[in-house]
């Protein structure tokens, strides 16, 4: 019994300050004006990804920006939010089917469990995927513990 307690005690530093999430949660992206977005929490993905349409690279005050459209409700494709954000990077990212492509990356805020932090998100066509957003390891930072057998553990 004491060995089991020792093992559990040994995990305390690893879980301190983190909160438990399921493989599916709802998040807000306040910097983009998006609330209650279904997100797939994926520890196998390095970079977070967001499904967008009409991506265009523009210049704003001499700096690179991107404009894009988001359909936050998968069941109401006519609902559309038009966004713009500074272009943070262009990265080569390998998709789930193994194909590498270049994607625009922006930095924005994510809110989950009443906590808000900044993450990098690649902008891509995820229309063939079930969820509009994928939260990858970099976006999780050192904040989350994921139970892949559960969904929607956080209060909405």
N, C-alpha and C. Protein backbone atom coordinates (compact mmCIF):
# COMPACT_ATOMS: atom_id res chain seq x y z
N UNK A 1 0.82 -1.19 0.00
CA UNK A 1 0.00 0.00 0.00
C UNK A 1 0.86 1.25 0.00
N UNK A 2 1.93 1.26 0.79
CA UNK A 2 2.78 2.44 0.84
C UNK A 2 3.49 2.68 -0.49
N UNK A 3 3.81 1.60 -1.25
CA UNK A 3 4.41 1.77 -2.57
C UNK A 3 3.45 2.48 -3.51
N UNK A 4 2.17 2.13 -3.45
CA UNK A 4 1.18 2.76 -4.30
C UNK A 4 1.05 4.25 -3.94
N UNK A 5 1.04 4.55 -2.66
CA UNK A 5 0.95 5.93 -2.22
C UNK A 5 2.19 6.70 -2.67
N UNK A 6 3.34 6.08 -2.60
CA UNK A 6 4.59 6.70 -3.04
C UNK A 6 4.51 7.06 -4.52
N UNK A 7 3.98 6.14 -5.32
CA UNK A 7 3.86 6.37 -6.75
C UNK A 7 2.94 7.56 -7.04
N UNK A 8 1.79 7.58 -6.39
CA UNK A 8 0.86 8.68 -6.58
C UNK A 8 1.48 9.99 -6.12
N UNK A 9 2.15 10.00 -4.99
CA UNK A 9 2.81 11.20 -4.50
C UNK A 9 3.85 11.68 -5.49
N UNK A 10 4.54 10.76 -6.13
CA UNK A 10 5.56 11.12 -7.11
C UNK A 10 5.03 11.89 -8.30
N UNK A 11 3.73 11.81 -8.58
CA UNK A 11 3.13 12.51 -9.71
C UNK A 11 2.72 13.94 -9.38
N UNK A 12 2.67 14.29 -8.11
CA UNK A 12 2.15 15.60 -7.73
C UNK A 12 2.84 16.77 -8.43
N UNK A 13 4.18 16.81 -8.53
CA UNK A 13 4.78 17.94 -9.24
C UNK A 13 4.38 18.01 -10.71
N UNK A 14 4.13 16.88 -11.32
CA UNK A 14 3.76 16.86 -12.74
C UNK A 14 2.35 17.38 -12.98
N UNK A 15 1.46 17.27 -12.01
CA UNK A 15 0.07 17.68 -12.22
C UNK A 15 -0.28 19.00 -11.53
N UNK A 16 0.59 19.49 -10.70
CA UNK A 16 0.30 20.72 -9.97
C UNK A 16 0.09 21.88 -10.94
N UNK A 17 -1.00 22.61 -10.76
CA UNK A 17 -1.28 23.78 -11.57
C UNK A 17 -1.90 23.47 -12.93
N UNK A 18 -2.17 22.20 -13.22
CA UNK A 18 -2.77 21.83 -14.50
C UNK A 18 -4.22 21.45 -14.29
N UNK A 19 -4.99 21.51 -15.37
CA UNK A 19 -6.37 21.05 -15.26
C UNK A 19 -6.64 19.96 -16.29
N UNK A 20 -7.59 19.10 -15.93
CA UNK A 20 -7.90 17.92 -16.72
C UNK A 20 -8.91 18.26 -17.81
N UNK A 21 -8.63 17.83 -19.03
CA UNK A 21 -9.54 18.03 -20.16
C UNK A 21 -9.76 16.69 -20.85
N UNK A 22 -10.86 16.61 -21.59
CA UNK A 22 -11.13 15.45 -22.40
C UNK A 22 -10.59 15.65 -23.81
N UNK A 23 -10.79 14.67 -24.66
CA UNK A 23 -10.30 14.77 -26.04
C UNK A 23 -11.12 15.76 -26.86
N UNK A 24 -12.30 16.11 -26.40
CA UNK A 24 -13.12 17.15 -27.00
C UNK A 24 -13.52 18.13 -25.92
N UNK A 25 -13.40 19.41 -26.23
CA UNK A 25 -13.81 20.46 -25.29
C UNK A 25 -14.38 21.62 -26.09
N UNK A 26 -14.88 22.63 -25.40
CA UNK A 26 -15.30 23.87 -26.02
C UNK A 26 -14.36 24.97 -25.55
N UNK A 27 -13.99 25.83 -26.48
CA UNK A 27 -13.09 26.93 -26.13
C UNK A 27 -13.61 28.21 -26.75
N UNK A 28 -13.06 29.31 -26.31
CA UNK A 28 -13.28 30.61 -26.93
C UNK A 28 -11.97 31.08 -27.53
N UNK A 29 -12.07 31.79 -28.64
CA UNK A 29 -10.93 32.48 -29.23
C UNK A 29 -11.28 33.96 -29.23
N UNK A 30 -11.15 34.62 -28.06
CA UNK A 30 -11.63 35.99 -27.92
C UNK A 30 -10.96 36.98 -28.88
N UNK A 31 -9.71 36.75 -29.21
CA UNK A 31 -9.02 37.64 -30.14
C UNK A 31 -9.61 37.61 -31.54
N UNK A 32 -10.35 36.55 -31.85
CA UNK A 32 -10.99 36.41 -33.16
C UNK A 32 -12.50 36.58 -33.08
N UNK A 33 -13.02 36.84 -31.88
CA UNK A 33 -14.46 37.02 -31.70
C UNK A 33 -15.25 35.72 -31.78
N UNK A 34 -14.63 34.61 -31.42
CA UNK A 34 -15.29 33.31 -31.51
C UNK A 34 -15.53 32.76 -30.11
N UNK A 35 -16.77 32.31 -29.87
CA UNK A 35 -17.14 31.73 -28.58
C UNK A 35 -17.67 30.32 -28.77
N UNK A 36 -17.43 29.49 -27.79
CA UNK A 36 -18.02 28.16 -27.71
C UNK A 36 -17.72 27.30 -28.95
N UNK A 37 -16.46 27.25 -29.32
CA UNK A 37 -16.01 26.47 -30.48
C UNK A 37 -15.60 25.07 -30.03
N UNK A 38 -16.11 24.05 -30.70
CA UNK A 38 -15.68 22.69 -30.42
C UNK A 38 -14.23 22.52 -30.85
N UNK A 39 -13.44 21.95 -29.96
CA UNK A 39 -12.02 21.77 -30.26
C UNK A 39 -11.63 20.33 -29.95
N UNK A 40 -10.84 19.75 -30.83
CA UNK A 40 -10.28 18.41 -30.63
C UNK A 40 -8.93 18.60 -29.96
N UNK A 41 -8.77 18.08 -28.75
CA UNK A 41 -7.51 18.17 -28.01
C UNK A 41 -6.67 16.97 -28.43
N UNK A 42 -5.55 17.24 -29.09
CA UNK A 42 -4.78 16.17 -29.75
C UNK A 42 -3.31 16.23 -29.34
N UNK A 43 -2.92 15.33 -28.44
CA UNK A 43 -1.53 15.29 -27.99
C UNK A 43 -0.60 14.77 -29.08
N UNK A 44 -1.14 14.20 -30.13
CA UNK A 44 -0.32 13.72 -31.24
C UNK A 44 0.03 14.80 -32.24
N UNK A 45 -0.63 15.94 -32.15
CA UNK A 45 -0.36 17.05 -33.07
C UNK A 45 0.52 18.08 -32.37
N UNK A 46 1.53 18.55 -33.06
CA UNK A 46 2.42 19.55 -32.48
C UNK A 46 1.76 20.93 -32.51
N UNK A 47 1.25 21.31 -33.67
CA UNK A 47 0.72 22.66 -33.88
C UNK A 47 -0.80 22.65 -33.88
N UNK A 48 -1.40 23.66 -33.31
CA UNK A 48 -2.85 23.81 -33.36
C UNK A 48 -3.26 24.25 -34.76
N UNK A 49 -4.48 23.90 -35.15
CA UNK A 49 -4.97 24.23 -36.49
C UNK A 49 -6.42 24.68 -36.41
N UNK A 50 -6.78 25.61 -37.29
CA UNK A 50 -8.13 26.14 -37.34
C UNK A 50 -8.62 26.12 -38.78
N UNK A 51 -9.84 25.61 -38.98
CA UNK A 51 -10.43 25.58 -40.32
C UNK A 51 -10.88 26.98 -40.70
N UNK A 52 -10.37 27.47 -41.82
CA UNK A 52 -10.76 28.79 -42.33
C UNK A 52 -10.94 28.71 -43.84
N UNK A 53 -11.64 29.71 -44.38
CA UNK A 53 -11.83 29.88 -45.82
C UNK A 53 -11.30 31.25 -46.21
N UNK A 54 -11.18 31.46 -47.49
CA UNK A 54 -10.87 32.77 -48.06
C UNK A 54 -9.62 33.40 -47.45
N UNK A 55 -8.57 32.61 -47.28
CA UNK A 55 -7.32 33.13 -46.70
C UNK A 55 -6.64 34.03 -47.73
N UNK A 56 -6.30 35.23 -47.29
CA UNK A 56 -5.55 36.15 -48.14
C UNK A 56 -4.46 36.81 -47.32
N UNK A 57 -3.29 36.91 -47.89
CA UNK A 57 -2.19 37.62 -47.26
C UNK A 57 -2.26 39.07 -47.73
N UNK A 58 -2.19 39.99 -46.77
CA UNK A 58 -2.25 41.41 -47.09
C UNK A 58 -1.12 42.14 -46.36
N UNK A 59 -0.96 43.41 -46.68
CA UNK A 59 -0.04 44.28 -45.94
C UNK A 59 -0.87 45.29 -45.17
N UNK A 60 -0.51 45.48 -43.93
CA UNK A 60 -1.18 46.47 -43.09
C UNK A 60 -0.09 47.24 -42.37
N UNK A 61 -0.04 48.53 -42.59
CA UNK A 61 1.03 49.36 -42.03
C UNK A 61 2.40 48.80 -42.40
N UNK A 62 2.50 48.25 -43.61
CA UNK A 62 3.76 47.73 -44.11
C UNK A 62 4.14 46.36 -43.58
N UNK A 63 3.28 45.75 -42.78
CA UNK A 63 3.58 44.44 -42.19
C UNK A 63 2.62 43.38 -42.74
N UNK A 64 3.08 42.12 -42.78
CA UNK A 64 2.21 41.06 -43.32
C UNK A 64 1.09 40.67 -42.35
N UNK A 65 -0.11 40.63 -42.87
CA UNK A 65 -1.29 40.19 -42.15
C UNK A 65 -2.01 39.16 -43.00
N UNK A 66 -2.96 38.47 -42.40
CA UNK A 66 -3.84 37.58 -43.16
C UNK A 66 -5.29 37.92 -42.83
N UNK A 67 -6.13 37.80 -43.84
CA UNK A 67 -7.57 37.90 -43.64
C UNK A 67 -8.15 36.52 -43.94
N UNK A 68 -9.22 36.18 -43.26
CA UNK A 68 -9.81 34.85 -43.45
C UNK A 68 -11.22 34.83 -42.90
N UNK A 69 -11.96 33.81 -43.29
CA UNK A 69 -13.33 33.64 -42.83
C UNK A 69 -13.43 32.35 -42.03
N UNK A 70 -14.19 32.40 -40.95
CA UNK A 70 -14.41 31.24 -40.09
C UNK A 70 -15.92 30.99 -40.02
N UNK A 71 -16.29 29.74 -40.12
CA UNK A 71 -17.68 29.32 -39.93
C UNK A 71 -17.73 28.54 -38.61
N UNK A 72 -17.94 29.24 -37.49
CA UNK A 72 -17.80 28.60 -36.17
C UNK A 72 -18.84 27.53 -35.87
N UNK A 73 -19.97 27.57 -36.55
CA UNK A 73 -21.00 26.55 -36.33
C UNK A 73 -21.03 25.63 -37.54
N UNK A 74 -20.55 24.42 -37.35
CA UNK A 74 -20.42 23.46 -38.44
C UNK A 74 -21.77 23.15 -39.10
N UNK A 75 -22.86 23.36 -38.37
CA UNK A 75 -24.19 23.06 -38.89
C UNK A 75 -24.86 24.27 -39.55
N UNK A 76 -24.25 25.44 -39.44
CA UNK A 76 -24.79 26.66 -40.06
C UNK A 76 -23.67 27.32 -40.87
N UNK A 77 -23.42 26.80 -42.06
CA UNK A 77 -22.29 27.30 -42.84
C UNK A 77 -22.49 28.73 -43.33
N UNK A 78 -23.73 29.22 -43.29
CA UNK A 78 -23.96 30.61 -43.67
C UNK A 78 -23.48 31.59 -42.60
N UNK A 79 -23.36 31.12 -41.35
CA UNK A 79 -22.82 31.96 -40.29
C UNK A 79 -21.32 32.08 -40.50
N UNK A 80 -20.86 33.30 -40.64
CA UNK A 80 -19.45 33.49 -40.98
C UNK A 80 -18.88 34.67 -40.19
N UNK A 81 -17.69 34.50 -39.69
CA UNK A 81 -16.98 35.59 -39.02
C UNK A 81 -15.74 35.90 -39.85
N UNK A 82 -15.60 37.15 -40.25
CA UNK A 82 -14.43 37.58 -41.01
C UNK A 82 -13.40 38.14 -40.05
N UNK A 83 -12.18 37.66 -40.18
CA UNK A 83 -11.12 38.02 -39.24
C UNK A 83 -9.90 38.51 -39.98
N UNK A 84 -9.06 39.20 -39.24
CA UNK A 84 -7.73 39.54 -39.73
C UNK A 84 -6.78 39.49 -38.55
N UNK A 85 -5.54 39.12 -38.84
CA UNK A 85 -4.55 38.97 -37.78
C UNK A 85 -3.16 39.15 -38.37
N UNK A 86 -2.22 39.61 -37.56
CA UNK A 86 -0.84 39.68 -38.04
C UNK A 86 -0.34 38.27 -38.38
N UNK A 87 0.38 38.17 -39.46
CA UNK A 87 0.97 36.89 -39.85
C UNK A 87 2.20 36.67 -38.98
N UNK A 88 2.19 35.62 -38.20
CA UNK A 88 3.31 35.32 -37.30
C UNK A 88 4.40 34.54 -38.02
N UNK A 89 3.98 33.61 -38.89
CA UNK A 89 4.96 32.71 -39.51
C UNK A 89 4.30 31.99 -40.68
N UNK A 90 5.12 31.41 -41.52
CA UNK A 90 4.67 30.44 -42.52
C UNK A 90 5.46 29.18 -42.23
N UNK A 91 4.75 28.10 -41.89
CA UNK A 91 5.42 26.87 -41.45
C UNK A 91 5.05 25.70 -42.33
N UNK A 92 6.00 24.79 -42.46
CA UNK A 92 5.72 23.51 -43.10
C UNK A 92 5.15 22.59 -42.02
N UNK A 93 3.94 22.11 -42.25
CA UNK A 93 3.25 21.30 -41.26
C UNK A 93 2.76 20.02 -41.92
N UNK A 94 3.01 18.90 -41.25
CA UNK A 94 2.57 17.61 -41.77
C UNK A 94 1.15 17.33 -41.27
N UNK A 95 0.26 17.05 -42.21
CA UNK A 95 -1.13 16.78 -41.85
C UNK A 95 -1.29 15.34 -41.38
N UNK A 96 -2.50 15.02 -40.94
CA UNK A 96 -2.77 13.68 -40.43
C UNK A 96 -2.62 12.60 -41.50
N UNK A 97 -2.73 12.98 -42.77
CA UNK A 97 -2.55 12.00 -43.83
C UNK A 97 -1.10 11.92 -44.32
N UNK A 98 -0.20 12.63 -43.63
CA UNK A 98 1.23 12.54 -43.94
C UNK A 98 1.74 13.53 -44.96
N UNK A 99 0.87 14.36 -45.51
CA UNK A 99 1.27 15.34 -46.52
C UNK A 99 1.75 16.62 -45.82
N UNK A 100 2.89 17.13 -46.25
CA UNK A 100 3.42 18.37 -45.69
C UNK A 100 3.03 19.53 -46.59
N UNK A 101 2.49 20.59 -45.99
CA UNK A 101 2.19 21.80 -46.75
C UNK A 101 2.56 23.03 -45.94
N UNK A 102 2.66 24.15 -46.63
CA UNK A 102 2.97 25.41 -45.95
C UNK A 102 1.67 26.06 -45.52
N UNK A 103 1.67 26.53 -44.28
CA UNK A 103 0.47 27.16 -43.73
C UNK A 103 0.83 28.49 -43.09
N UNK A 104 -0.12 29.42 -43.19
CA UNK A 104 0.00 30.66 -42.44
C UNK A 104 -0.28 30.36 -40.97
N UNK A 105 0.49 31.01 -40.10
CA UNK A 105 0.32 30.83 -38.65
C UNK A 105 0.09 32.20 -38.02
N UNK A 106 -0.92 32.27 -37.17
CA UNK A 106 -1.21 33.49 -36.42
C UNK A 106 -1.08 33.18 -34.93
N UNK A 107 -0.98 34.24 -34.15
CA UNK A 107 -1.00 34.10 -32.69
C UNK A 107 -2.28 34.78 -32.20
N UNK A 108 -3.02 34.05 -31.35
CA UNK A 108 -4.24 34.61 -30.79
C UNK A 108 -4.44 34.03 -29.39
N UNK A 109 -5.48 34.49 -28.73
CA UNK A 109 -5.75 34.01 -27.37
C UNK A 109 -6.78 32.88 -27.42
N UNK A 110 -6.61 31.95 -26.50
CA UNK A 110 -7.59 30.87 -26.30
C UNK A 110 -8.04 30.93 -24.84
N UNK A 111 -9.32 30.68 -24.62
CA UNK A 111 -9.86 30.61 -23.25
C UNK A 111 -10.45 29.23 -23.05
N UNK A 112 -10.00 28.61 -21.97
CA UNK A 112 -10.43 27.26 -21.62
C UNK A 112 -10.43 27.19 -20.10
N UNK A 113 -11.51 26.73 -19.51
CA UNK A 113 -11.58 26.57 -18.06
C UNK A 113 -11.32 27.90 -17.32
N UNK A 114 -11.85 28.98 -17.88
CA UNK A 114 -11.71 30.32 -17.30
C UNK A 114 -10.25 30.78 -17.23
N UNK A 115 -9.40 30.18 -18.03
CA UNK A 115 -8.01 30.63 -18.15
C UNK A 115 -7.78 31.02 -19.60
N UNK A 116 -6.98 32.04 -19.80
CA UNK A 116 -6.70 32.55 -21.14
C UNK A 116 -5.20 32.65 -21.33
N UNK A 117 -4.74 32.21 -22.51
CA UNK A 117 -3.32 32.32 -22.85
C UNK A 117 -3.20 32.42 -24.37
N UNK A 118 -2.02 32.79 -24.83
CA UNK A 118 -1.78 32.94 -26.26
C UNK A 118 -1.28 31.63 -26.85
N UNK A 119 -1.74 31.37 -28.08
CA UNK A 119 -1.27 30.19 -28.80
C UNK A 119 -1.04 30.55 -30.27
N UNK A 120 -0.20 29.76 -30.92
CA UNK A 120 -0.05 29.83 -32.36
C UNK A 120 -1.03 28.86 -32.99
N UNK A 121 -1.70 29.30 -34.05
CA UNK A 121 -2.66 28.46 -34.77
C UNK A 121 -2.36 28.53 -36.25
N UNK A 122 -2.25 27.37 -36.89
CA UNK A 122 -2.11 27.35 -38.34
C UNK A 122 -3.50 27.43 -38.96
N UNK A 123 -3.59 28.15 -40.07
CA UNK A 123 -4.85 28.33 -40.77
C UNK A 123 -4.88 27.36 -41.95
N UNK A 124 -5.93 26.56 -42.04
CA UNK A 124 -5.96 25.51 -43.05
C UNK A 124 -7.39 25.11 -43.38
N UNK A 125 -7.52 24.31 -44.41
CA UNK A 125 -8.81 23.74 -44.78
C UNK A 125 -8.99 22.42 -44.04
N UNK A 126 -9.85 22.41 -43.04
CA UNK A 126 -10.16 21.19 -42.28
C UNK A 126 -11.58 20.72 -42.59
N UNK A 127 -12.08 21.06 -43.76
CA UNK A 127 -13.47 20.74 -44.09
C UNK A 127 -13.74 19.24 -44.12
N UNK A 128 -12.70 18.44 -44.33
CA UNK A 128 -12.88 16.99 -44.32
C UNK A 128 -12.74 16.40 -42.92
N UNK A 129 -12.50 17.25 -41.93
CA UNK A 129 -12.35 16.79 -40.55
C UNK A 129 -13.64 17.05 -39.77
N UNK A 130 -13.81 16.36 -38.67
CA UNK A 130 -15.04 16.48 -37.87
C UNK A 130 -15.07 17.74 -37.01
N UNK A 131 -13.90 18.29 -36.68
CA UNK A 131 -13.84 19.44 -35.78
C UNK A 131 -13.08 20.57 -36.44
N UNK A 132 -13.59 21.78 -36.24
CA UNK A 132 -13.01 22.95 -36.89
C UNK A 132 -11.65 23.34 -36.33
N UNK A 133 -11.39 22.95 -35.09
CA UNK A 133 -10.12 23.31 -34.47
C UNK A 133 -9.48 22.11 -33.82
N UNK A 134 -8.17 22.10 -33.93
CA UNK A 134 -7.33 21.08 -33.30
C UNK A 134 -6.40 21.82 -32.34
N UNK A 135 -6.39 21.45 -31.08
CA UNK A 135 -5.48 22.03 -30.11
C UNK A 135 -4.31 21.08 -29.94
N UNK A 136 -3.14 21.49 -30.43
CA UNK A 136 -1.95 20.65 -30.38
C UNK A 136 -1.12 20.88 -29.13
N UNK A 137 -0.03 20.12 -29.02
CA UNK A 137 0.82 20.16 -27.82
C UNK A 137 1.37 21.55 -27.53
N UNK A 138 1.84 22.26 -28.56
CA UNK A 138 2.38 23.60 -28.31
C UNK A 138 1.32 24.52 -27.73
N UNK A 139 0.09 24.41 -28.20
CA UNK A 139 -1.00 25.25 -27.69
C UNK A 139 -1.42 24.89 -26.27
N UNK A 140 -1.24 23.63 -25.92
CA UNK A 140 -1.57 23.19 -24.56
C UNK A 140 -0.56 23.72 -23.56
N UNK A 141 0.66 23.89 -24.02
CA UNK A 141 1.72 24.33 -23.13
C UNK A 141 1.88 23.36 -21.98
N UNK A 142 2.09 23.90 -20.82
CA UNK A 142 2.26 23.09 -19.62
C UNK A 142 1.04 23.24 -18.71
N UNK A 143 -0.14 23.38 -19.35
CA UNK A 143 -1.34 23.70 -18.59
C UNK A 143 -2.34 22.55 -18.45
N UNK A 144 -2.32 21.61 -19.39
CA UNK A 144 -3.39 20.62 -19.46
C UNK A 144 -2.91 19.20 -19.22
N UNK A 145 -3.80 18.41 -18.65
CA UNK A 145 -3.67 16.95 -18.63
C UNK A 145 -4.86 16.43 -19.43
N UNK A 146 -4.60 15.53 -20.37
CA UNK A 146 -5.64 15.06 -21.27
C UNK A 146 -6.03 13.62 -20.93
N UNK A 147 -7.33 13.41 -20.73
CA UNK A 147 -7.87 12.05 -20.60
C UNK A 147 -8.57 11.74 -21.92
N UNK A 148 -7.90 11.00 -22.81
CA UNK A 148 -8.47 10.75 -24.13
C UNK A 148 -9.73 9.90 -24.12
N UNK A 149 -10.03 9.26 -23.00
CA UNK A 149 -11.24 8.43 -22.91
C UNK A 149 -12.48 9.26 -22.55
N UNK A 150 -12.30 10.53 -22.24
CA UNK A 150 -13.41 11.39 -21.82
C UNK A 150 -13.58 12.55 -22.81
N UNK A 151 -14.78 13.14 -22.80
CA UNK A 151 -15.05 14.34 -23.59
C UNK A 151 -15.79 15.34 -22.72
N UNK A 152 -15.60 16.60 -23.02
CA UNK A 152 -16.30 17.71 -22.38
C UNK A 152 -16.28 17.63 -20.86
N UNK A 153 -15.10 17.59 -20.31
CA UNK A 153 -14.94 17.56 -18.85
C UNK A 153 -15.10 18.95 -18.24
N UNK A 154 -14.88 19.99 -19.03
CA UNK A 154 -14.95 21.36 -18.51
C UNK A 154 -16.37 21.89 -18.60
N UNK A 155 -16.74 22.71 -17.63
CA UNK A 155 -18.06 23.34 -17.65
C UNK A 155 -18.12 24.33 -18.80
N UNK A 156 -19.27 24.42 -19.42
CA UNK A 156 -19.45 25.37 -20.53
C UNK A 156 -19.90 26.71 -20.03
